[in-house]
Amino acid sequence: MNIQQTIDVAALISANSSHVIEHPEPLPEDPLGEYWLHSRRRLSAWLRQLDACRDWQSNEDEAPNGWNGYRTLVEEIFLADVLSRVWGAVLTAYDRRRQTSFAEPIAYNVMTGQMQARQIALRSMVSAGSTAAERIAQIDHIRRRAERWADVLLGHLVLKHDVEEFAFDPDRAREFGQEHANHDVADANRPVWELIFAGLRIAFSTMSRPGARDCHHRDIVGAILGTFPSEAFEKSGQLKSLARMRLERSRTLPDSPAMGFLSTYPENTGSEGFGSLGRDDSTGQPTSAESQGVSFSKAFRNRPPQS
């Protein structure tokens, strides 16, 4: 799974966030632990590569630690922020709705690591000097684009659940949230999501090149999907519509007229293949990522101080 595909997943999670936020039961511990574990592993890989690329200007462009490797790495760090912030906002909104502190500390812990890598990447860009200004501008263009799209996906969550700390620009995110409120963006079946998905794919269409850390992205996405309630998925692996989930949770009788309506209710057209990333189509159960070595005493830390 490449970094561009994780942005597609971020959009799908934003569109279907109510499946998690409104879930009445506690979220499963194992996928949350796996999300933390694989995020830490990816962070370690980033830090090692950032250290190796310190002298990228003195290397050949095609060398592993030259310009191409450095650019791919730094852009990947900036783009990974989109999924981390969207999922962190969903986990935090879930906890605050239940008045608990279970998933939110993991979200903040992952974001702390993400911010660490981001700060190192930004410092390396500043230290590149004026001779590399044109090249650095290419990366900065991707950074600003990723930040704006993250705020687009966070807009309705910030407006409804007050999770502004995950937005790059809280005021901008609220503006997007206000704009999307008229289109009921919280419902993944609304036509506006088709425009958002299309816009994302166009914006990051050049970011699909493979990277050495693609396995980490895959494991992180698998852990996220494993956190979604089992009943949120059809047997085919696709996510159910929010309307259907709400009706099913209301314990509507199977032979009622409402259930007859459900059989023809349009499903989320933007989620083809989404379930297969984290669900076994034959069983409907989450696929298990490696969970050994998870230390929740490390994962459950206090949130970082807000600047």
Protein backbone atom coordinates (compact mmCIF):
# COMPACT_ATOMS: atom_id res chain seq x y z
CA MET A 1 0.00 0.00 0.00
CA ASN A 2 1.55 3.30 -1.07
CA ILE A 3 1.20 6.66 0.63
CA GLN A 4 -1.34 7.99 -1.88
CA GLN A 5 -3.69 5.12 -1.05
CA THR A 6 -3.57 6.01 2.65
CA ILE A 7 -5.04 9.40 1.74
CA ASP A 8 -7.93 7.61 0.00
CA VAL A 9 -8.42 5.64 3.22
CA ALA A 10 -8.37 8.86 5.25
CA ALA A 11 -11.24 10.18 3.14
CA LEU A 12 -13.20 6.95 3.57
CA ILE A 13 -12.68 7.04 7.33
CA SER A 14 -13.80 10.66 7.50
CA ALA A 15 -16.89 9.82 5.45
CA ASN A 16 -17.71 6.81 7.64
CA SER A 17 -16.49 8.17 10.98
CA SER A 18 -19.92 7.85 12.60
CA HIS A 19 -19.60 4.06 12.47
CA VAL A 20 -16.90 4.37 15.13
CA ILE A 21 -17.92 7.54 16.96
CA GLU A 22 -21.53 6.38 17.49
CA HIS A 23 -20.63 2.78 18.32
CA PRO A 24 -22.24 1.99 21.70
CA GLU A 25 -19.69 -0.65 22.76
CA PRO A 26 -16.00 -0.27 23.73
CA LEU A 27 -13.58 -0.38 20.83
CA PRO A 28 -11.44 -3.55 20.56
CA GLU A 29 -8.07 -3.24 22.28
CA ASP A 30 -5.97 -5.32 19.89
CA PRO A 31 -6.38 -3.17 16.76
CA LEU A 32 -5.74 -0.02 18.78
CA GLY A 33 -2.54 -1.56 20.13
CA GLU A 34 -1.52 -2.63 16.63
CA TYR A 35 -2.14 0.89 15.34
CA TRP A 36 0.21 2.26 17.98
CA LEU A 37 2.81 -0.46 17.37
CA HIS A 38 2.95 -0.11 13.59
CA SER A 39 2.96 3.69 13.84
CA ARG A 40 5.99 3.48 16.13
CA ARG A 41 7.74 1.16 13.72
CA ARG A 42 7.11 3.50 10.84
CA LEU A 43 8.40 6.41 12.91
CA SER A 44 11.61 4.51 13.64
CA ALA A 45 12.05 3.80 9.92
CA TRP A 46 11.51 7.50 9.13
CA LEU A 47 14.05 8.67 11.70
CA ARG A 48 16.69 6.25 10.45
CA GLN A 49 16.17 7.35 6.86
CA LEU A 50 16.13 11.04 7.76
CA ASP A 51 19.50 10.59 9.43
CA ALA A 52 20.84 8.74 6.38
CA CYS A 53 19.63 11.51 4.05
CA ARG A 54 21.27 14.38 5.90
CA ASP A 55 23.81 14.87 3.11
CA TRP A 56 21.45 14.34 0.21
CA GLN A 57 22.81 17.39 -1.65
CA SER A 58 26.25 15.84 -1.92
CA ASN A 59 24.92 12.54 -3.31
CA GLU A 60 23.77 11.66 -6.80
CA ASP A 61 20.05 12.24 -7.32
CA GLU A 62 19.41 8.55 -8.02
CA ALA A 63 21.42 7.32 -5.03
CA PRO A 64 19.35 5.78 -2.19
CA ASN A 65 20.13 8.77 0.03
CA GLY A 66 20.18 11.35 -2.76
CA TRP A 67 17.55 13.87 -3.82
CA ASN A 68 14.94 11.38 -5.03
CA GLY A 69 15.11 9.32 -1.84
CA TYR A 70 15.04 12.43 0.33
CA ARG A 71 12.08 13.94 -1.51
CA THR A 72 10.08 10.70 -1.36
CA LEU A 73 10.75 10.38 2.37
CA VAL A 74 9.85 13.95 3.36
CA GLU A 75 6.74 14.05 1.20
CA GLU A 76 5.66 10.73 2.71
CA ILE A 77 5.96 12.18 6.22
CA PHE A 78 3.81 15.16 5.30
CA LEU A 79 1.19 13.04 3.52
CA ALA A 80 0.98 10.53 6.37
CA ASP A 81 -0.24 13.39 8.54
CA VAL A 82 -3.60 13.29 6.74
CA LEU A 83 -4.56 9.79 7.89
CA SER A 84 -3.01 10.18 11.35
CA ARG A 85 -4.96 13.36 12.06
CA VAL A 86 -8.27 12.12 10.69
CA TRP A 87 -8.09 8.84 12.60
CA GLY A 88 -6.85 10.61 15.73
CA ALA A 89 -9.83 12.97 15.55
CA VAL A 90 -12.23 10.03 15.18
CA LEU A 91 -10.75 8.19 18.19
CA THR A 92 -10.83 11.36 20.27
CA ALA A 93 -14.43 12.13 19.29
CA TYR A 94 -15.39 8.57 20.25
CA ASP A 95 -13.84 8.95 23.71
CA ARG A 96 -15.32 12.36 24.37
CA ARG A 97 -18.77 11.22 23.34
CA ARG A 98 -18.54 8.40 25.90
CA GLN A 99 -16.67 10.54 28.45
CA THR A 100 -13.85 8.01 28.61
CA SER A 101 -10.08 8.15 28.11
CA PHE A 102 -9.25 4.95 26.26
CA ALA A 103 -8.55 5.62 22.56
CA GLU A 104 -7.69 9.32 22.78
CA PRO A 105 -4.28 8.82 24.51
CA ILE A 106 -3.22 6.47 21.71
CA ALA A 107 -4.24 9.04 19.13
CA TYR A 108 -2.16 11.72 20.87
CA ASN A 109 0.81 9.38 21.29
CA VAL A 110 0.88 8.60 17.56
CA MET A 111 0.50 12.29 16.74
CA THR A 112 3.46 13.13 19.00
CA GLY A 113 5.67 10.80 16.97
CA GLN A 114 4.27 12.18 13.74
CA MET A 115 5.08 15.72 14.86
CA GLN A 116 8.62 14.67 15.78
CA ALA A 117 9.31 13.36 12.28
CA ARG A 118 7.61 16.39 10.76
CA GLN A 119 9.75 18.85 12.70
CA ILE A 120 12.96 17.09 11.68
CA ALA A 121 11.84 17.10 8.04
CA LEU A 122 11.03 20.82 8.20
CA ARG A 123 14.40 21.63 9.76
CA SER A 124 16.17 19.69 7.02
CA MET A 125 14.30 21.72 4.41
CA VAL A 126 15.29 25.01 6.03
CA SER A 127 18.93 23.96 6.31
CA ALA A 128 19.13 22.98 2.63
CA GLY A 129 20.06 26.55 1.73
CA SER A 130 19.23 28.82 -1.18
CA THR A 131 20.98 26.61 -3.73
CA ALA A 132 18.24 24.01 -3.28
CA ALA A 133 15.37 26.49 -2.99
CA GLU A 134 13.60 25.36 -6.15
CA ARG A 135 13.70 21.71 -5.15
CA ILE A 136 12.59 22.41 -1.60
CA ALA A 137 9.70 24.47 -2.98
CA GLN A 138 8.43 21.32 -4.73
CA ILE A 139 8.22 19.51 -1.39
CA ASP A 140 6.68 22.52 0.34
CA HIS A 141 3.94 22.61 -2.29
CA ILE A 142 3.00 19.03 -1.35
CA ARG A 143 3.13 19.91 2.36
CA ARG A 144 0.70 22.80 1.98
CA ARG A 145 -1.61 20.72 -0.19
CA ALA A 146 -1.67 17.89 2.37
CA GLU A 147 -2.43 20.33 5.20
CA ARG A 148 -5.33 21.87 3.33
CA TRP A 149 -6.87 18.51 2.43
CA ALA A 150 -6.46 17.29 5.99
CA ASP A 151 -8.51 20.28 7.17
CA VAL A 152 -11.12 19.51 4.49
CA LEU A 153 -11.54 15.97 5.83
CA LEU A 154 -11.51 17.17 9.44
CA GLY A 155 -13.99 20.00 8.91
CA HIS A 156 -17.20 18.21 9.86
CA LEU A 157 -15.46 16.46 12.79
CA VAL A 158 -14.12 19.74 14.17
CA LEU A 159 -17.52 21.38 13.82
CA LYS A 160 -19.49 18.56 15.44
CA HIS A 161 -17.08 17.05 17.95
CA ASP A 162 -14.71 19.95 18.79
CA VAL A 163 -11.48 18.14 17.88
CA GLU A 164 -9.77 21.23 16.52
CA GLU A 165 -6.37 20.20 17.90
CA PHE A 166 -6.02 17.74 15.03
CA ALA A 167 -6.48 20.42 12.35
CA PHE A 168 -3.56 22.32 10.91
CA ASP A 169 -5.65 25.49 10.82
CA PRO A 170 -8.68 25.19 13.15
CA ASP A 171 -10.38 28.25 11.67
CA ARG A 172 -10.01 26.90 8.16
CA ALA A 173 -11.29 23.49 9.27
CA ARG A 174 -14.36 25.12 10.83
CA GLU A 175 -15.01 27.01 7.61
CA PHE A 176 -14.93 23.74 5.69
CA GLY A 177 -17.18 22.22 8.35
CA GLN A 178 -19.70 25.04 8.02
CA GLU A 179 -19.67 24.71 4.26
CA HIS A 180 -20.11 20.93 4.39
CA ALA A 181 -22.90 21.16 6.96
CA ASN A 182 -25.21 22.25 4.17
CA HIS A 183 -24.38 19.03 2.29
CA ASP A 184 -24.59 16.69 5.31
CA VAL A 185 -21.01 15.50 4.87
CA ALA A 186 -21.41 13.20 7.90
CA ASP A 187 -23.37 10.89 5.57
CA ALA A 188 -20.96 9.01 3.29
CA ASN A 189 -23.69 8.53 0.68
CA ARG A 190 -24.02 12.23 -0.08
CA PRO A 191 -22.88 13.25 -3.59
CA VAL A 192 -20.42 15.76 -2.13
CA TRP A 193 -18.16 12.86 -1.12
CA GLU A 194 -17.79 11.82 -4.74
CA LEU A 195 -16.36 15.29 -5.42
CA ILE A 196 -14.04 15.05 -2.41
CA PHE A 197 -12.74 11.61 -3.46
CA ALA A 198 -12.17 12.84 -7.01
CA GLY A 199 -10.41 15.97 -5.81
CA LEU A 200 -8.09 13.98 -3.57
CA ARG A 201 -7.10 11.60 -6.33
CA ILE A 202 -6.33 14.46 -8.67
CA ALA A 203 -4.42 16.41 -6.02
CA PHE A 204 -2.13 13.49 -5.18
CA SER A 205 -2.14 11.58 -8.47
CA THR A 206 1.64 11.82 -8.74
CA MET A 207 2.27 10.38 -5.27
CA SER A 208 1.66 6.69 -6.02
CA ARG A 209 5.29 5.69 -6.43
CA PRO A 210 6.28 2.71 -4.24
CA GLY A 211 8.34 3.26 -1.13
CA ALA A 212 10.38 1.20 1.31
CA ARG A 213 7.82 1.80 4.06
CA ASP A 214 4.73 0.64 2.19
CA CYS A 215 4.43 -2.38 4.50
CA HIS A 216 4.08 -0.02 7.47
CA HIS A 217 1.29 1.90 5.74
CA ARG A 218 -0.51 -1.36 5.00
CA ASP A 219 -0.26 -2.56 8.61
CA ILE A 220 -1.46 0.79 9.96
CA VAL A 221 -4.48 0.81 7.64
CA GLY A 222 -5.25 -2.81 8.57
CA ALA A 223 -5.23 -1.92 12.27
CA ILE A 224 -7.51 1.07 11.67
CA LEU A 225 -10.03 -1.01 9.73
CA GLY A 226 -9.86 -3.68 12.42
CA THR A 227 -11.11 -1.08 14.91
CA PHE A 228 -14.35 -0.58 13.00
CA PRO A 229 -17.27 -2.59 14.48
CA SER A 230 -17.82 -5.92 12.74
CA GLU A 231 -21.46 -5.09 12.14
CA ALA A 232 -20.43 -2.03 10.11
CA PHE A 233 -19.36 -4.29 7.25
CA GLU A 234 -21.35 -6.26 4.74
CA LYS A 235 -20.32 -9.86 4.09
CA SER A 236 -18.62 -8.62 0.93
CA GLY A 237 -16.33 -6.43 3.06
CA GLN A 238 -17.93 -3.11 2.10
CA LEU A 239 -19.09 -0.66 4.73
CA LYS A 240 -22.80 -0.34 5.34
CA SER A 241 -24.52 2.98 4.97
CA LEU A 242 -24.89 5.06 8.13
CA ALA A 243 -28.68 5.04 7.79
CA ARG A 244 -28.70 1.26 7.76
CA MET A 245 -26.40 1.03 10.76
CA ARG A 246 -28.59 3.38 12.78
CA LEU A 247 -31.71 1.42 11.94
CA GLU A 248 -30.07 -1.87 12.84
CA ARG A 249 -28.87 -0.45 16.14
CA SER A 250 -32.43 0.59 16.92
CA ARG A 251 -33.23 -3.16 16.94
CA THR A 252 -35.76 -2.92 14.14
CA LEU A 253 -37.46 -6.28 13.65
CA PRO A 254 -36.20 -8.26 10.62
CA ASP A 255 -39.68 -8.57 9.10
CA SER A 256 -40.62 -4.93 9.54
CA PRO A 257 -41.21 -2.58 6.57
CA ALA A 258 -38.06 -0.68 7.55
CA MET A 259 -35.95 -3.79 7.02
CA GLY A 260 -37.51 -4.24 3.61
CA PHE A 261 -36.37 -0.72 2.79
CA LEU A 262 -32.85 -1.55 3.94
CA SER A 263 -32.45 -4.25 1.30
CA THR A 264 -32.58 -1.59 -1.41
CA TYR A 265 -30.90 1.29 0.41
CA PRO A 266 -27.93 2.61 -1.59
CA GLU A 267 -24.61 1.69 -0.02
CA ASN A 268 -21.47 3.77 0.15
CA THR A 269 -20.34 3.96 -3.45
CA GLY A 270 -16.94 5.23 -2.45
CA SER A 271 -15.87 2.20 -0.43
CA GLU A 272 -15.16 -0.46 -3.05
CA GLY A 273 -12.28 -2.54 -1.80
CA PHE A 274 -12.18 -0.71 1.53
CA GLY A 275 -13.19 -3.69 3.61
CA SER A 276 -10.74 -6.05 1.98
CA LEU A 277 -7.83 -4.03 3.39
CA GLY A 278 -8.75 -4.90 6.95
CA ARG A 279 -11.46 -7.58 6.81
CA ASP A 280 -11.47 -11.19 5.75
CA ASP A 281 -14.25 -11.36 3.16
CA SER A 282 -14.95 -15.00 4.02
CA THR A 283 -15.50 -14.38 7.73
CA GLY A 284 -16.17 -10.66 8.04
CA GLN A 285 -13.62 -10.51 10.86
CA PRO A 286 -10.70 -8.11 11.11
CA THR A 287 -7.43 -9.41 9.74
CA SER A 288 -4.88 -9.67 12.52
CA ALA A 289 -1.71 -7.62 12.31
CA GLU A 290 1.24 -8.42 14.53
CA SER A 291 0.46 -7.29 18.06
CA GLN A 292 3.35 -8.75 20.07
CA GLY A 293 5.36 -6.27 22.03
CA VAL A 294 2.60 -3.68 22.51
CA SER A 295 3.13 -1.73 25.71
CA PHE A 296 0.01 0.17 26.66
CA SER A 297 1.91 1.77 29.54
CA LYS A 298 3.90 3.58 26.84
CA ALA A 299 0.97 4.17 24.55
CA PHE A 300 -1.28 5.73 27.18
CA ARG A 301 0.63 8.93 27.83
CA ASN A 302 -0.63 12.36 28.57
CA ARG A 303 -1.46 14.46 25.54
CA PRO A 304 1.33 16.76 24.37
CA PRO A 305 1.15 20.41 25.38
CA GLN A 306 -0.68 22.50 22.83
CA SER A 307 1.30 25.32 21.25
